[in-house]
Amino acid sequence: MRKSFGAKPLTYPQPVFILAAYDSKGNPNAMNAAWGGISEENQISICLSSNHKTVYDILETKAFSVSMGTVPQVEACDYVGIVSGNKVPDKIEKAGWHVEKGAMLDCPIIVELPMALECRLIDYDPETCIMRGEIVNVSADESVLTDGKIDPKKLQPICFDPCNNAYLALGEEVAKAFSCGLKLR
């Protein structure tokens, strides 16, 4: 028997995205966002309400980064999600983070989060709260690479559990994609 939960935003996993952008004066800001994902080969879509300072900054500068939240940075990732940049202008510093400019776009890359997407704003619909960004570059610190590829065990990405309001570490590999199902042919 199944239990019905009604219409709710419940999917697994929900990535913990940390969005960062500069304001018009070059000050960095960041926020935590869980409702998003890849929507085209070089495009990300994220649901963001318009009252976030980071959203305002992205609309102003047209560039932003999306980093993956990680186990070692879980407290800082949560902090930038519960504190508003409208009230705390030095959120990134208080989180203990440092930024460097993106390689391809004028957006802050959070040094302590080892994987980031540099995105150019495509559009934002304040009615649906959907922001779309063109992925211009993906970068990863060498510390999370194995054989030149991003290694999830080294990256230690976290996801959001909306049923229990918790962060979860992603687990182990269970099978090879585009391969394990071949035995059912």
Protein backbone atom coordinates (compact mmCIF):
# COMPACT_ATOMS: atom_id res chain seq x y z
CA MET A 1 0.00 0.00 0.00
CA ARG A 2 1.18 3.54 -0.77
CA LYS A 3 0.73 6.70 1.26
CA SER A 4 -0.36 9.81 -0.65
CA PHE A 5 1.35 13.08 0.21
CA GLY A 6 -0.53 15.32 -2.21
CA ALA A 7 1.11 17.85 -4.50
CA LYS A 8 4.46 18.63 -2.88
CA PRO A 9 8.00 19.34 -4.13
CA LEU A 10 9.29 15.90 -3.18
CA THR A 11 11.97 14.36 -5.39
CA TYR A 12 15.23 12.64 -4.62
CA PRO A 13 17.92 13.76 -4.76
CA GLN A 14 17.44 17.51 -4.60
CA PRO A 15 20.88 19.01 -5.13
CA VAL A 16 22.10 21.71 -2.80
CA PHE A 17 23.03 24.50 -5.21
CA ILE A 18 24.90 27.52 -3.91
CA LEU A 19 24.35 30.46 -6.26
CA ALA A 20 26.76 33.37 -6.14
CA ALA A 21 26.77 36.70 -7.95
CA TYR A 22 28.39 40.08 -7.71
CA ASP A 23 26.29 43.18 -7.21
CA SER A 24 26.83 46.29 -9.34
CA LYS A 25 29.61 47.42 -6.97
CA GLY A 26 31.50 44.10 -7.20
CA ASN A 27 30.44 42.74 -3.81
CA PRO A 28 29.78 38.98 -3.80
CA ASN A 29 26.66 37.39 -2.36
CA ALA A 30 25.48 33.77 -2.19
CA MET A 31 22.34 31.78 -1.46
CA ASN A 32 21.26 28.15 -1.09
CA ALA A 33 18.74 26.76 -3.60
CA ALA A 34 17.43 23.20 -3.83
CA TRP A 35 14.76 23.33 -6.52
CA GLY A 36 16.67 23.08 -9.76
CA GLY A 37 18.44 20.97 -12.28
CA ILE A 38 19.83 20.65 -15.78
CA SER A 39 17.10 21.53 -18.27
CA GLU A 40 19.07 21.44 -21.53
CA GLU A 41 22.56 20.21 -22.40
CA ASN A 42 24.09 23.58 -21.54
CA GLN A 43 21.31 25.05 -19.40
CA ILE A 44 20.29 25.02 -15.75
CA SER A 45 16.88 26.00 -14.39
CA ILE A 46 16.32 26.94 -10.77
CA CYS A 47 13.19 28.06 -8.89
CA LEU A 48 14.02 31.28 -7.01
CA SER A 49 11.69 33.85 -5.49
CA SER A 50 12.39 37.42 -6.55
CA ASN A 51 12.94 38.76 -3.02
CA HIS A 52 16.42 37.21 -2.74
CA LYS A 53 19.31 39.68 -3.00
CA THR A 54 21.25 37.15 -5.06
CA VAL A 55 18.40 37.04 -7.60
CA TYR A 56 18.45 40.84 -7.80
CA ASP A 57 22.24 40.76 -8.27
CA ILE A 58 21.97 38.15 -11.04
CA LEU A 59 19.30 40.19 -12.83
CA GLU A 60 21.58 43.21 -12.57
CA THR A 61 24.88 41.62 -13.65
CA LYS A 62 23.55 38.79 -15.91
CA ALA A 63 26.14 36.30 -14.59
CA PHE A 64 26.27 33.84 -11.70
CA SER A 65 27.93 30.69 -10.46
CA VAL A 66 26.29 27.52 -9.22
CA SER A 67 28.41 25.44 -6.86
CA MET A 68 27.59 22.06 -5.42
CA GLY A 69 27.14 22.05 -1.65
CA THR A 70 29.54 19.60 0.01
CA VAL A 71 29.80 17.61 3.23
CA PRO A 72 32.78 19.63 4.58
CA GLN A 73 30.91 22.90 3.91
CA VAL A 74 27.40 21.85 5.00
CA GLU A 75 27.15 24.40 7.84
CA ALA A 76 28.21 27.29 5.61
CA CYS A 77 25.86 26.07 2.86
CA ASP A 78 22.97 26.04 5.32
CA TYR A 79 23.98 29.45 6.69
CA VAL A 80 23.73 31.19 3.30
CA GLY A 81 20.26 29.66 2.95
CA ILE A 82 18.89 30.91 6.26
CA VAL A 83 20.44 34.39 6.34
CA SER A 84 19.33 37.05 3.87
CA GLY A 85 21.84 39.09 1.90
CA ASN A 86 19.30 41.92 2.17
CA LYS A 87 20.08 42.04 5.90
CA VAL A 88 23.63 40.62 6.11
CA PRO A 89 25.81 42.18 3.38
CA ASP A 90 28.92 40.14 4.25
CA LYS A 91 27.28 36.70 4.21
CA ILE A 92 30.11 35.08 2.25
CA GLU A 93 32.73 36.32 4.70
CA LYS A 94 30.64 35.21 7.70
CA ALA A 95 30.29 31.77 6.08
CA GLY A 96 34.09 31.59 6.07
CA TRP A 97 34.25 31.56 2.29
CA HIS A 98 36.54 33.27 -0.18
CA VAL A 99 35.81 34.04 -3.81
CA GLU A 100 37.76 34.32 -7.01
CA LYS A 101 36.52 35.60 -10.35
CA GLY A 102 35.20 33.01 -12.80
CA ALA A 103 37.45 31.97 -15.68
CA MET A 104 34.86 32.78 -18.35
CA LEU A 105 32.35 35.18 -16.74
CA ASP A 106 32.38 37.96 -14.18
CA CYS A 107 30.87 35.88 -11.40
CA PRO A 108 32.26 34.83 -8.01
CA ILE A 109 33.52 31.28 -7.62
CA ILE A 110 33.50 30.11 -4.00
CA VAL A 111 36.96 28.67 -3.36
CA GLU A 112 35.84 26.31 -0.58
CA LEU A 113 33.25 24.65 -2.86
CA PRO A 114 35.38 22.65 -5.31
CA MET A 115 32.93 22.38 -8.24
CA ALA A 116 31.16 25.26 -9.94
CA LEU A 117 29.21 26.14 -13.07
CA GLU A 118 29.65 29.60 -14.54
CA CYS A 119 26.31 30.71 -15.96
CA ARG A 120 25.07 33.54 -18.13
CA LEU A 121 21.50 34.60 -17.35
CA ILE A 122 19.07 33.55 -20.08
CA ASP A 123 15.87 34.74 -18.43
CA TYR A 124 13.87 34.98 -15.24
CA ASP A 125 10.10 34.80 -14.88
CA PRO A 126 8.98 36.39 -11.60
CA GLU A 127 5.53 34.76 -11.91
CA THR A 128 6.87 31.19 -12.06
CA CYS A 129 10.11 32.05 -10.19
CA ILE A 130 12.08 30.11 -12.83
CA MET A 131 15.56 31.38 -13.63
CA ARG A 132 17.43 29.83 -16.53
CA GLY A 133 21.16 30.13 -17.07
CA GLU A 134 23.42 29.11 -19.93
CA ILE A 135 26.28 26.99 -18.61
CA VAL A 136 29.41 28.61 -20.06
CA ASN A 137 32.02 26.72 -18.05
CA VAL A 138 32.30 23.98 -15.44
CA SER A 139 35.37 24.02 -13.22
CA ALA A 140 36.58 21.73 -10.46
CA ASP A 141 39.49 21.91 -8.08
CA GLU A 142 42.12 19.27 -8.81
CA SER A 143 41.57 17.87 -5.31
CA VAL A 144 38.26 16.35 -6.45
CA LEU A 145 39.56 14.81 -9.69
CA THR A 146 40.49 11.23 -10.43
CA ASP A 147 41.98 10.51 -13.86
CA GLY A 148 40.97 14.02 -14.96
CA LYS A 149 37.27 13.51 -14.11
CA ILE A 150 35.19 14.82 -11.20
CA ASP A 151 35.11 12.09 -8.56
CA PRO A 152 31.90 12.21 -6.47
CA LYS A 153 33.62 10.43 -3.58
CA LYS A 154 36.17 13.24 -3.39
CA LEU A 155 33.64 16.02 -4.12
CA GLN A 156 31.28 14.79 -1.38
CA PRO A 157 28.16 16.56 -2.73
CA ILE A 158 25.14 16.88 -0.50
CA CYS A 159 21.46 16.81 -1.37
CA PHE A 160 18.41 18.13 0.43
CA ASP A 161 15.83 15.77 1.93
CA PRO A 162 12.56 17.76 1.81
CA CYS A 163 10.58 15.21 3.85
CA ASN A 164 12.88 15.38 6.85
CA ASN A 165 14.50 18.81 6.39
CA ALA A 166 17.96 17.26 6.32
CA TYR A 167 21.08 17.24 4.19
CA LEU A 168 22.26 13.87 2.93
CA ALA A 169 25.61 12.79 1.54
CA LEU A 170 25.36 11.02 -1.78
CA GLY A 171 26.04 7.31 -1.54
CA GLU A 172 28.15 4.78 -3.31
CA GLU A 173 28.01 3.67 -6.92
CA VAL A 174 25.51 0.83 -7.37
CA ALA A 175 25.95 0.11 -11.09
CA LYS A 176 27.36 1.49 -14.34
CA ALA A 177 24.90 3.67 -16.26
CA PHE A 178 24.06 2.75 -19.85
CA SER A 179 25.45 -0.69 -19.14
CA CYS A 180 23.82 -2.56 -16.25
CA GLY A 181 20.45 -2.76 -18.00
CA LEU A 182 21.90 -4.45 -21.06
CA LYS A 183 21.46 -7.86 -19.46
CA LEU A 184 17.66 -7.37 -19.67
CA ARG A 185 17.68 -7.16 -23.47
